[in-house]
Amino acid sequence: MTECILGYITTPNIEEAKQIAKELLLDKLIACANIYPKVYSLFWWKGEIDKSEETILIVKSKRNLKQKIVEKVCSMHSYECPCIIFLPIEDGAKPFLDWIISEVN
């Protein structure tokens, strides 16, 4: 296992995803971000099934920055309860993983 992580964040639209990604990059909390616009989400919310078009933000970073990423995203996010989760990167191309580590604080 590497010290690298993949973060998965949902946002209500591409503009919010871009702004969050830009701020995370400026703060050197992530090495890069991918934005997937217009996904259709179904979910439980306040006891009912809800639906929404959302934008997915995928970020690459290091494990020790997870809490700072959560704090930054929550401070900017328009959702009451934003989806912010992390997955460990088990393995990958060493030059790419080294690049992630070199680009974040």
PDB file of N, CA and C in Angstrom:
ATOM      1  N   MET A   1       0.836  -1.177   0.000  1.00  0.00           N
ATOM      2  CA  MET A   1       0.000   0.000   0.000  1.00  0.00           C
ATOM      3  C   MET A   1       0.884   1.244   0.000  1.00  0.00           C
ATOM      4  N   THR A   2       0.440   2.247  -0.718  1.00  0.00           N
ATOM      5  CA  THR A   2       1.178   3.503  -0.777  1.00  0.00           C
ATOM      6  C   THR A   2       0.587   4.490   0.223  1.00  0.00           C
ATOM      7  N   GLU A   3       1.218   5.638   0.369  1.00  0.00           N
ATOM      8  CA  GLU A   3       0.650   6.693   1.210  1.00  0.00           C
ATOM      9  C   GLU A   3      -0.331   7.553   0.442  1.00  0.00           C
ATOM     10  N   CYS A   4      -0.566   7.210  -0.809  1.00  0.00           N
ATOM     11  CA  CYS A   4      -1.473   7.982  -1.657  1.00  0.00           C
ATOM     12  C   CYS A   4      -2.914   7.539  -1.466  1.00  0.00           C
ATOM     13  N   ILE A   5      -3.828   8.498  -1.661  1.00  0.00           N
ATOM     14  CA  ILE A   5      -5.260   8.230  -1.545  1.00  0.00           C
ATOM     15  C   ILE A   5      -5.996   8.825  -2.727  1.00  0.00           C
ATOM     16  N   LEU A   6      -7.185   8.313  -2.923  1.00  0.00           N
ATOM     17  CA  LEU A   6      -8.115   8.834  -3.905  1.00  0.00           C
ATOM     18  C   LEU A   6      -9.317   9.347  -3.125  1.00  0.00           C
ATOM     19  N   GLY A   7      -9.683  10.601  -3.343  1.00  0.00           N
ATOM     20  CA  GLY A   7     -10.845  11.170  -2.676  1.00  0.00           C
ATOM     21  C   GLY A   7     -12.006  11.266  -3.644  1.00  0.00           C
ATOM     22  N   TYR A   8     -13.208  10.997  -3.138  1.00  0.00           N
ATOM     23  CA  TYR A   8     -14.436  11.042  -3.925  1.00  0.00           C
ATOM     24  C   TYR A   8     -15.362  12.046  -3.260  1.00  0.00           C
ATOM     25  N   ILE A   9     -15.738  13.085  -3.995  1.00  0.00           N
ATOM     26  CA  ILE A   9     -16.552  14.167  -3.453  1.00  0.00           C
ATOM     27  C   ILE A   9     -17.668  14.456  -4.459  1.00  0.00           C
ATOM     28  N   THR A  10     -18.908  14.550  -3.972  1.00  0.00           N
ATOM     29  CA  THR A  10     -19.982  14.950  -4.866  1.00  0.00           C
ATOM     30  C   THR A  10     -20.323  16.413  -4.615  1.00  0.00           C
ATOM     31  N   THR A  11     -20.697  17.105  -5.689  1.00  0.00           N
ATOM     32  CA  THR A  11     -21.078  18.513  -5.619  1.00  0.00           C
ATOM     33  C   THR A  11     -22.350  18.712  -6.441  1.00  0.00           C
ATOM     34  N   PRO A  12     -23.064  19.813  -6.224  1.00  0.00           N
ATOM     35  CA  PRO A  12     -24.309  20.017  -6.955  1.00  0.00           C
ATOM     36  C   PRO A  12     -24.124  20.413  -8.414  1.00  0.00           C
ATOM     37  N   ASN A  13     -22.928  20.923  -8.763  1.00  0.00           N
ATOM     38  CA  ASN A  13     -22.723  21.382 -10.139  1.00  0.00           C
ATOM     39  C   ASN A  13     -21.229  21.515 -10.435  1.00  0.00           C
ATOM     40  N   ILE A  14     -20.928  21.703 -11.697  1.00  0.00           N
ATOM     41  CA  ILE A  14     -19.532  21.766 -12.129  1.00  0.00           C
ATOM     42  C   ILE A  14     -18.820  23.009 -11.596  1.00  0.00           C
ATOM     43  N   GLU A  15     -19.548  24.108 -11.446  1.00  0.00           N
ATOM     44  CA  GLU A  15     -18.916  25.331 -10.955  1.00  0.00           C
ATOM     45  C   GLU A  15     -18.388  25.136  -9.533  1.00  0.00           C
ATOM     46  N   GLU A  16     -19.208  24.514  -8.679  1.00  0.00           N
ATOM     47  CA  GLU A  16     -18.756  24.280  -7.307  1.00  0.00           C
ATOM     48  C   GLU A  16     -17.597  23.282  -7.276  1.00  0.00           C
ATOM     49  N   ALA A  17     -17.661  22.265  -8.097  1.00  0.00           N
ATOM     50  CA  ALA A  17     -16.567  21.291  -8.170  1.00  0.00           C
ATOM     51  C   ALA A  17     -15.266  21.961  -8.592  1.00  0.00           C
ATOM     52  N   LYS A  18     -15.327  22.831  -9.595  1.00  0.00           N
ATOM     53  CA  LYS A  18     -14.130  23.534 -10.063  1.00  0.00           C
ATOM     54  C   LYS A  18     -13.564  24.441  -8.980  1.00  0.00           C
ATOM     55  N   GLN A  19     -14.428  25.146  -8.275  1.00  0.00           N
ATOM     56  CA  GLN A  19     -13.955  26.050  -7.224  1.00  0.00           C
ATOM     57  C   GLN A  19     -13.296  25.276  -6.082  1.00  0.00           C
ATOM     58  N   ILE A  20     -13.918  24.179  -5.671  1.00  0.00           N
ATOM     59  CA  ILE A  20     -13.335  23.354  -4.606  1.00  0.00           C
ATOM     60  C   ILE A  20     -11.986  22.799  -5.066  1.00  0.00           C
ATOM     61  N   ALA A  21     -11.936  22.263  -6.278  1.00  0.00           N
ATOM     62  CA  ALA A  21     -10.686  21.705  -6.802  1.00  0.00           C
ATOM     63  C   ALA A  21      -9.590  22.761  -6.841  1.00  0.00           C
ATOM     64  N   LYS A  22      -9.929  23.948  -7.318  1.00  0.00           N
ATOM     65  CA  LYS A  22      -8.938  25.018  -7.423  1.00  0.00           C
ATOM     66  C   LYS A  22      -8.379  25.382  -6.049  1.00  0.00           C
ATOM     67  N   GLU A  23      -9.249  25.519  -5.054  1.00  0.00           N
ATOM     68  CA  GLU A  23      -8.786  25.865  -3.714  1.00  0.00           C
ATOM     69  C   GLU A  23      -7.938  24.759  -3.093  1.00  0.00           C
ATOM     70  N   LEU A  24      -8.321  23.518  -3.313  1.00  0.00           N
ATOM     71  CA  LEU A  24      -7.509  22.396  -2.806  1.00  0.00           C
ATOM     72  C   LEU A  24      -6.138  22.378  -3.467  1.00  0.00           C
ATOM     73  N   LEU A  25      -6.091  22.694  -4.757  1.00  0.00           N
ATOM     74  CA  LEU A  25      -4.812  22.768  -5.468  1.00  0.00           C
ATOM     75  C   LEU A  25      -3.964  23.928  -4.951  1.00  0.00           C
ATOM     76  N   LEU A  26      -4.578  25.098  -4.794  1.00  0.00           N
ATOM     77  CA  LEU A  26      -3.835  26.261  -4.305  1.00  0.00           C
ATOM     78  C   LEU A  26      -3.266  26.030  -2.907  1.00  0.00           C
ATOM     79  N   ASP A  27      -3.998  25.298  -2.080  1.00  0.00           N
ATOM     80  CA  ASP A  27      -3.534  24.976  -0.723  1.00  0.00           C
ATOM     81  C   ASP A  27      -2.571  23.786  -0.696  1.00  0.00           C
ATOM     82  N   LYS A  28      -2.276  23.236  -1.880  1.00  0.00           N
ATOM     83  CA  LYS A  28      -1.362  22.082  -2.011  1.00  0.00           C
ATOM     84  C   LYS A  28      -1.856  20.870  -1.215  1.00  0.00           C
ATOM     85  N   LEU A  29      -3.186  20.730  -1.125  1.00  0.00           N
ATOM     86  CA  LEU A  29      -3.771  19.581  -0.435  1.00  0.00           C
ATOM     87  C   LEU A  29      -3.996  18.412  -1.381  1.00  0.00           C
ATOM     88  N   ILE A  30      -4.035  18.701  -2.674  1.00  0.00           N
ATOM     89  CA  ILE A  30      -4.188  17.656  -3.686  1.00  0.00           C
ATOM     90  C   ILE A  30      -3.196  17.905  -4.820  1.00  0.00           C
ATOM     91  N   ALA A  31      -2.861  16.821  -5.524  1.00  0.00           N
ATOM     92  CA  ALA A  31      -1.971  16.935  -6.685  1.00  0.00           C
ATOM     93  C   ALA A  31      -2.767  17.186  -7.960  1.00  0.00           C
ATOM     94  N   CYS A  32      -3.965  16.632  -8.030  1.00  0.00           N
ATOM     95  CA  CYS A  32      -4.802  16.837  -9.206  1.00  0.00           C
ATOM     96  C   CYS A  32      -6.244  16.482  -8.893  1.00  0.00           C
ATOM     97  N   ALA A  33      -7.118  16.884  -9.803  1.00  0.00           N
ATOM     98  CA  ALA A  33      -8.545  16.610  -9.650  1.00  0.00           C
ATOM     99  C   ALA A  33      -9.134  16.236 -11.005  1.00  0.00           C
ATOM    100  N   ASN A  34     -10.100  15.354 -10.980  1.00  0.00           N
ATOM    101  CA  ASN A  34     -10.887  15.012 -12.166  1.00  0.00           C
ATOM    102  C   ASN A  34     -12.337  15.353 -11.849  1.00  0.00           C
ATOM    103  N   ILE A  35     -13.019  15.951 -12.801  1.00  0.00           N
ATOM    104  CA  ILE A  35     -14.403  16.356 -12.611  1.00  0.00           C
ATOM    105  C   ILE A  35     -15.271  15.632 -13.630  1.00  0.00           C
ATOM    106  N   TYR A  36     -16.281  14.940 -13.115  1.00  0.00           N
ATOM    107  CA  TYR A  36     -17.239  14.215 -13.944  1.00  0.00           C
ATOM    108  C   TYR A  36     -18.595  14.908 -13.813  1.00  0.00           C
ATOM    109  N   PRO A  37     -18.999  15.686 -14.802  1.00  0.00           N
ATOM    110  CA  PRO A  37     -20.263  16.420 -14.697  1.00  0.00           C
ATOM    111  C   PRO A  37     -21.477  15.522 -14.951  1.00  0.00           C
ATOM    112  N   LYS A  38     -22.573  15.950 -14.396  1.00  0.00           N
ATOM    113  CA  LYS A  38     -23.889  15.376 -14.671  1.00  0.00           C
ATOM    114  C   LYS A  38     -23.998  13.874 -14.463  1.00  0.00           C
ATOM    115  N   VAL A  39     -23.872  13.453 -13.235  1.00  0.00           N
ATOM    116  CA  VAL A  39     -24.239  12.091 -12.881  1.00  0.00           C
ATOM    117  C   VAL A  39     -25.596  12.167 -12.190  1.00  0.00           C
ATOM    118  N   TYR A  40     -26.358  11.118 -12.289  1.00  0.00           N
ATOM    119  CA  TYR A  40     -27.683  11.079 -11.684  1.00  0.00           C
ATOM    120  C   TYR A  40     -27.580  10.284 -10.391  1.00  0.00           C
ATOM    121  N   SER A  41     -27.965  10.894  -9.291  1.00  0.00           N
ATOM    122  CA  SER A  41     -27.847  10.261  -7.982  1.00  0.00           C
ATOM    123  C   SER A  41     -29.215  10.030  -7.362  1.00  0.00           C
ATOM    124  N   LEU A  42     -29.372   8.865  -6.734  1.00  0.00           N
ATOM    125  CA  LEU A  42     -30.532   8.519  -5.917  1.00  0.00           C
ATOM    126  C   LEU A  42     -30.017   8.227  -4.526  1.00  0.00           C
ATOM    127  N   PHE A  43     -30.703   8.721  -3.501  1.00  0.00           N
ATOM    128  CA  PHE A  43     -30.190   8.555  -2.145  1.00  0.00           C
ATOM    129  C   PHE A  43     -31.300   8.783  -1.122  1.00  0.00           C
ATOM    130  N   TRP A  44     -31.074   8.244   0.078  1.00  0.00           N
ATOM    131  CA  TRP A  44     -31.961   8.528   1.190  1.00  0.00           C
ATOM    132  C   TRP A  44     -31.594   9.885   1.765  1.00  0.00           C
ATOM    133  N   TRP A  45     -32.593  10.746   1.986  1.00  0.00           N
ATOM    134  CA  TRP A  45     -32.356  12.038   2.630  1.00  0.00           C
ATOM    135  C   TRP A  45     -33.584  12.392   3.461  1.00  0.00           C
ATOM    136  N   LYS A  46     -33.361  12.513   4.769  1.00  0.00           N
ATOM    137  CA  LYS A  46     -34.409  12.889   5.718  1.00  0.00           C
ATOM    138  C   LYS A  46     -35.622  11.988   5.609  1.00  0.00           C
ATOM    139  N   GLY A  47     -35.354  10.672   5.530  1.00  0.00           N
ATOM    140  CA  GLY A  47     -36.410   9.672   5.558  1.00  0.00           C
ATOM    141  C   GLY A  47     -37.110   9.397   4.246  1.00  0.00           C
ATOM    142  N   GLU A  48     -36.655  10.023   3.177  1.00  0.00           N
ATOM    143  CA  GLU A  48     -37.269   9.818   1.873  1.00  0.00           C
ATOM    144  C   GLU A  48     -36.210   9.582   0.808  1.00  0.00           C
ATOM    145  N   ILE A  49     -36.606   8.897  -0.245  1.00  0.00           N
ATOM    146  CA  ILE A  49     -35.703   8.736  -1.384  1.00  0.00           C
ATOM    147  C   ILE A  49     -35.725  10.036  -2.179  1.00  0.00           C
ATOM    148  N   ASP A  50     -34.545  10.571  -2.409  1.00  0.00           N
ATOM    149  CA  ASP A  50     -34.386  11.824  -3.151  1.00  0.00           C
ATOM    150  C   ASP A  50     -33.566  11.532  -4.400  1.00  0.00           C
ATOM    151  N   LYS A  51     -33.524  12.479  -5.306  1.00  0.00           N
ATOM    152  CA  LYS A  51     -32.721  12.334  -6.532  1.00  0.00           C
ATOM    153  C   LYS A  51     -32.154  13.684  -6.912  1.00  0.00           C
ATOM    154  N   SER A  52     -31.049  13.637  -7.635  1.00  0.00           N
ATOM    155  CA  SER A  52     -30.409  14.885  -8.015  1.00  0.00           C
ATOM    156  C   SER A  52     -29.394  14.623  -9.121  1.00  0.00           C
ATOM    157  N   GLU A  53     -29.188  15.615  -9.967  1.00  0.00           N
ATOM    158  CA  GLU A  53     -28.031  15.595 -10.862  1.00  0.00           C
ATOM    159  C   GLU A  53     -26.882  16.185 -10.068  1.00  0.00           C
ATOM    160  N   GLU A  54     -25.743  15.531 -10.097  1.00  0.00           N
ATOM    161  CA  GLU A  54     -24.580  15.988  -9.352  1.00  0.00           C
ATOM    162  C   GLU A  54     -23.347  15.945 -10.237  1.00  0.00           C
ATOM    163  N   THR A  55     -22.274  16.491  -9.713  1.00  0.00           N
ATOM    164  CA  THR A  55     -20.963  16.441 -10.340  1.00  0.00           C
ATOM    165  C   THR A  55     -20.028  15.729  -9.374  1.00  0.00           C
ATOM    166  N   ILE A  56     -19.219  14.825  -9.882  1.00  0.00           N
ATOM    167  CA  ILE A  56     -18.269  14.081  -9.055  1.00  0.00           C
ATOM    168  C   ILE A  56     -16.883  14.697  -9.204  1.00  0.00           C
ATOM    169  N   LEU A  57     -16.247  14.900  -8.083  1.00  0.00           N
ATOM    170  CA  LEU A  57     -14.881  15.409  -8.023  1.00  0.00           C
ATOM    171  C   LEU A  57     -14.006  14.302  -7.445  1.00  0.00           C
ATOM    172  N   ILE A  58     -13.032  13.851  -8.216  1.00  0.00           N
ATOM    173  CA  ILE A  58     -12.065  12.841  -7.775  1.00  0.00           C
ATOM    174  C   ILE A  58     -10.743  13.564  -7.550  1.00  0.00           C
ATOM    175  N   VAL A  59     -10.141  13.371  -6.378  1.00  0.00           N
ATOM    176  CA  VAL A  59      -8.875  14.035  -6.069  1.00  0.00           C
ATOM    177  C   VAL A  59      -7.824  13.013  -5.668  1.00  0.00           C
ATOM    178  N   LYS A  60      -6.558  13.346  -5.925  1.00  0.00           N
ATOM    179  CA  LYS A  60      -5.437  12.498  -5.525  1.00  0.00           C
ATOM    180  C   LYS A  60      -4.585  13.249  -4.522  1.00  0.00           C
ATOM    181  N   SER A  61      -4.231  12.571  -3.429  1.00  0.00           N
ATOM    182  CA  SER A  61      -3.472  13.216  -2.370  1.00  0.00           C
ATOM    183  C   SER A  61      -2.757  12.168  -1.524  1.00  0.00           C
ATOM    184  N   LYS A  62      -2.418  12.565  -0.285  1.00  0.00           N
ATOM    185  CA  LYS A  62      -1.760  11.671   0.675  1.00  0.00           C
ATOM    186  C   LYS A  62      -2.661  11.474   1.894  1.00  0.00           C
ATOM    187  N   ARG A  63      -2.530  10.298   2.507  1.00  0.00           N
ATOM    188  CA  ARG A  63      -3.350   9.946   3.675  1.00  0.00           C
ATOM    189  C   ARG A  63      -3.306  10.997   4.768  1.00  0.00           C
ATOM    190  N   ASN A  64      -2.139  11.547   5.046  1.00  0.00           N
ATOM    191  CA  ASN A  64      -2.029  12.471   6.179  1.00  0.00           C
ATOM    192  C   ASN A  64      -2.720  13.810   5.927  1.00  0.00           C
ATOM    193  N   LEU A  65      -3.252  14.037   4.725  1.00  0.00           N
ATOM    194  CA  LEU A  65      -3.943  15.293   4.421  1.00  0.00           C
ATOM    195  C   LEU A  65      -5.467  15.147   4.401  1.00  0.00           C
ATOM    196  N   LYS A  66      -5.972  13.942   4.698  1.00  0.00           N
ATOM    197  CA  LYS A  66      -7.419  13.704   4.618  1.00  0.00           C
ATOM    198  C   LYS A  66      -8.227  14.697   5.446  1.00  0.00           C
ATOM    199  N   GLN A  67      -7.863  14.896   6.699  1.00  0.00           N
ATOM    200  CA  GLN A  67      -8.653  15.773   7.562  1.00  0.00           C
ATOM    201  C   GLN A  67      -8.641  17.213   7.069  1.00  0.00           C
ATOM    202  N   LYS A  68      -7.503  17.671   6.592  1.00  0.00           N
ATOM    203  CA  LYS A  68      -7.436  19.035   6.057  1.00  0.00           C
ATOM    204  C   LYS A  68      -8.305  19.177   4.805  1.00  0.00           C
ATOM    205  N   ILE A  69      -8.333  18.140   3.983  1.00  0.00           N
ATOM    206  CA  ILE A  69      -9.185  18.162   2.792  1.00  0.00           C
ATOM    207  C   ILE A  69     -10.651  18.227   3.210  1.00  0.00           C
ATOM    208  N   VAL A  70     -11.039  17.391   4.168  1.00  0.00           N
ATOM    209  CA  VAL A  70     -12.422  17.397   4.653  1.00  0.00           C
ATOM    210  C   VAL A  70     -12.794  18.782   5.177  1.00  0.00           C
ATOM    211  N   GLU A  71     -11.937  19.364   6.003  1.00  0.00           N
ATOM    212  CA  GLU A  71     -12.220  20.684   6.573  1.00  0.00           C
ATOM    213  C   GLU A  71     -12.368  21.744   5.482  1.00  0.00           C
ATOM    214  N   LYS A  72     -11.479  21.730   4.509  1.00  0.00           N
ATOM    215  CA  LYS A  72     -11.525  22.718   3.422  1.00  0.00           C
ATOM    216  C   LYS A  72     -12.788  22.544   2.586  1.00  0.00           C
ATOM    217  N   VAL A  73     -13.083  21.309   2.204  1.00  0.00           N
ATOM    218  CA  VAL A  73     -14.268  21.058   1.384  1.00  0.00           C
ATOM    219  C   VAL A  73     -15.531  21.463   2.146  1.00  0.00           C
ATOM    220  N   CYS A  74     -15.641  21.077   3.404  1.00  0.00           N
ATOM    221  CA  CYS A  74     -16.830  21.423   4.197  1.00  0.00           C
ATOM    222  C   CYS A  74     -16.997  22.932   4.336  1.00  0.00           C
ATOM    223  N   SER A  75     -15.896  23.665   4.396  1.00  0.00           N
ATOM    224  CA  SER A  75     -15.978  25.122   4.541  1.00  0.00           C
ATOM    225  C   SER A  75     -16.495  25.799   3.270  1.00  0.00           C
ATOM    226  N   MET A  76     -16.403  25.105   2.134  1.00  0.00           N
ATOM    227  CA  MET A  76     -16.800  25.687   0.857  1.00  0.00           C
ATOM    228  C   MET A  76     -18.071  25.083   0.271  1.00  0.00           C
ATOM    229  N   HIS A  77     -18.437  23.914   0.730  1.00  0.00           N
ATOM    230  CA  HIS A  77     -19.494  23.119   0.103  1.00  0.00           C
ATOM    231  C   HIS A  77     -20.875  23.653   0.427  1.00  0.00           C
ATOM    232  N   SER A  78     -21.779  23.582  -0.531  1.00  0.00           N
ATOM    233  CA  SER A  78     -23.145  24.070  -0.323  1.00  0.00           C
ATOM    234  C   SER A  78     -24.071  23.023   0.293  1.00  0.00           C
ATOM    235  N   TYR A  79     -23.669  21.759   0.307  1.00  0.00           N
ATOM    236  CA  TYR A  79     -24.511  20.717   0.904  1.00  0.00           C
ATOM    237  C   TYR A  79     -24.442  20.755   2.423  1.00  0.00           C
ATOM    238  N   GLU A  80     -25.538  20.404   3.048  1.00  0.00           N
ATOM    239  CA  GLU A  80     -25.592  20.260   4.500  1.00  0.00           C
ATOM    240  C   GLU A  80     -24.727  19.084   4.955  1.00  0.00           C
ATOM    241  N   CYS A  81     -24.705  18.034   4.149  1.00  0.00           N
ATOM    242  CA  CYS A  81     -23.968  16.810   4.490  1.00  0.00           C
ATOM    243  C   CYS A  81     -23.226  16.318   3.245  1.00  0.00           C
ATOM    244  N   PRO A  82     -22.092  16.950   2.896  1.00  0.00           N
ATOM    245  CA  PRO A  82     -21.410  16.563   1.654  1.00  0.00           C
ATOM    246  C   PRO A  82     -20.777  15.175   1.730  1.00  0.00           C
ATOM    247  N   CYS A  83     -20.811  14.497   0.597  1.00  0.00           N
ATOM    248  CA  CYS A  83     -20.135  13.201   0.468  1.00  0.00           C
ATOM    249  C   CYS A  83     -18.652  13.480   0.237  1.00  0.00           C
ATOM    250  N   ILE A  84     -17.838  13.091   1.203  1.00  0.00           N
ATOM    251  CA  ILE A  84     -16.381  13.203   1.090  1.00  0.00           C
ATOM    252  C   ILE A  84     -15.820  11.904   1.642  1.00  0.00           C
ATOM    253  N   ILE A  85     -15.331  11.046   0.772  1.00  0.00           N
ATOM    254  CA  ILE A  85     -14.782   9.767   1.218  1.00  0.00           C
ATOM    255  C   ILE A  85     -13.424   9.546   0.557  1.00  0.00           C
ATOM    256  N   PHE A  86     -12.645   8.651   1.163  1.00  0.00           N
ATOM    257  CA  PHE A  86     -11.300   8.374   0.662  1.00  0.00           C
ATOM    258  C   PHE A  86     -11.087   6.876   0.516  1.00  0.00           C
ATOM    259  N   LEU A  87     -10.327   6.521  -0.486  1.00  0.00           N
ATOM    260  CA  LEU A  87      -9.924   5.138  -0.728  1.00  0.00           C
ATOM    261  C   LEU A  87      -8.402   5.095  -0.809  1.00  0.00           C
ATOM    262  N   PRO A  88      -7.792   4.072  -0.224  1.00  0.00           N
ATOM    263  CA  PRO A  88      -6.339   3.962  -0.357  1.00  0.00           C
ATOM    264  C   PRO A  88      -5.970   3.553  -1.780  1.00  0.00           C
ATOM    265  N   ILE A  89      -4.856   4.079  -2.249  1.00  0.00           N
ATOM    266  CA  ILE A  89      -4.305   3.619  -3.526  1.00  0.00           C
ATOM    267  C   ILE A  89      -3.333   2.509  -3.180  1.00  0.00           C
ATOM    268  N   GLU A  90      -3.693   1.305  -3.535  1.00  0.00           N
ATOM    269  CA  GLU A  90      -2.901   0.131  -3.179  1.00  0.00           C
ATOM    270  C   GLU A  90      -1.570   0.097  -3.922  1.00  0.00           C
ATOM    271  N   ASP A  91      -1.618   0.423  -5.194  1.00  0.00           N
ATOM    272  CA  ASP A  91      -0.426   0.328  -6.030  1.00  0.00           C
ATOM    273  C   ASP A  91      -0.693   1.111  -7.307  1.00  0.00           C
ATOM    274  N   GLY A  92       0.333   1.302  -8.100  1.00  0.00           N
ATOM    275  CA  GLY A  92       0.180   2.026  -9.358  1.00  0.00           C
ATOM    276  C   GLY A  92       1.528   2.317  -9.967  1.00  0.00           C
ATOM    277  N   ALA A  93       1.531   3.131 -10.997  1.00  0.00           N
ATOM    278  CA  ALA A  93       2.769   3.510 -11.668  1.00  0.00           C
ATOM    279  C   ALA A  93       3.600   4.367 -10.706  1.00  0.00           C
ATOM    280  N   LYS A  94       4.780   3.893 -10.367  1.00  0.00           N
ATOM    281  CA  LYS A  94       5.617   4.572  -9.388  1.00  0.00           C
ATOM    282  C   LYS A  94       5.872   6.037  -9.738  1.00  0.00           C
ATOM    283  N   PRO A  95       6.181   6.386 -10.988  1.00  0.00           N
ATOM    284  CA  PRO A  95       6.390   7.809 -11.299  1.00  0.00           C
ATOM    285  C   PRO A  95       5.160   8.662 -10.988  1.00  0.00           C
ATOM    286  N   PHE A  96       3.971   8.136 -11.246  1.00  0.00           N
ATOM    287  CA  PHE A  96       2.751   8.886 -10.958  1.00  0.00           C
ATOM    288  C   PHE A  96       2.544   9.032  -9.456  1.00  0.00           C
ATOM    289  N   LEU A  97       2.737   7.972  -8.706  1.00  0.00           N
ATOM    290  CA  LEU A  97       2.579   8.030  -7.248  1.00  0.00           C
ATOM    291  C   LEU A  97       3.620   8.967  -6.637  1.00  0.00           C
ATOM    292  N   ASP A  98       4.836   8.920  -7.136  1.00  0.00           N
ATOM    293  CA  ASP A  98       5.878   9.844  -6.663  1.00  0.00           C
ATOM    294  C   ASP A  98       5.503  11.284  -6.966  1.00  0.00           C
ATOM    295  N   TRP A  99       4.893  11.495  -8.132  1.00  0.00           N
ATOM    296  CA  TRP A  99       4.461  12.839  -8.510  1.00  0.00           C
ATOM    297  C   TRP A  99       3.393  13.359  -7.541  1.00  0.00           C
ATOM    298  N   ILE A 100       2.416  12.525  -7.190  1.00  0.00           N
ATOM    299  CA  ILE A 100       1.399  12.935  -6.223  1.00  0.00           C
ATOM    300  C   ILE A 100       2.068  13.394  -4.942  1.00  0.00           C
ATOM    301  N   ILE A 101       2.960  12.577  -4.427  1.00  0.00           N
ATOM    302  CA  ILE A 101       3.640  12.902  -3.148  1.00  0.00           C
ATOM    303  C   ILE A 101       4.434  14.202  -3.262  1.00  0.00           C
ATOM    304  N   SER A 102       5.069  14.419  -4.406  1.00  0.00           N
ATOM    305  CA  SER A 102       5.892  15.616  -4.559  1.00  0.00           C
ATOM    306  C   SER A 102       5.069  16.900  -4.695  1.00  0.00           C
ATOM    307  N   GLU A 103       3.814  16.800  -5.072  1.00  0.00           N
ATOM    308  CA  GLU A 103       2.997  17.979  -5.348  1.00  0.00           C
ATOM    309  C   GLU A 103       2.172  18.479  -4.166  1.00  0.00           C
ATOM    310  N   VAL A 104       2.040  17.690  -3.110  1.00  0.00           N
ATOM    311  CA  VAL A 104       1.214  18.100  -1.968  1.00  0.00           C
ATOM    312  C   VAL A 104       2.076  18.387  -0.757  1.00  0.00           C
ATOM    313  N   ASN A 105       1.499  19.129   0.201  1.00  0.00           N
ATOM    314  CA  ASN A 105       2.243  19.475   1.439  1.00  0.00           C
ATOM    315  C   ASN A 105       2.473  18.258   2.301  1.00  0.00           C
TER     316      ASN A 105
END
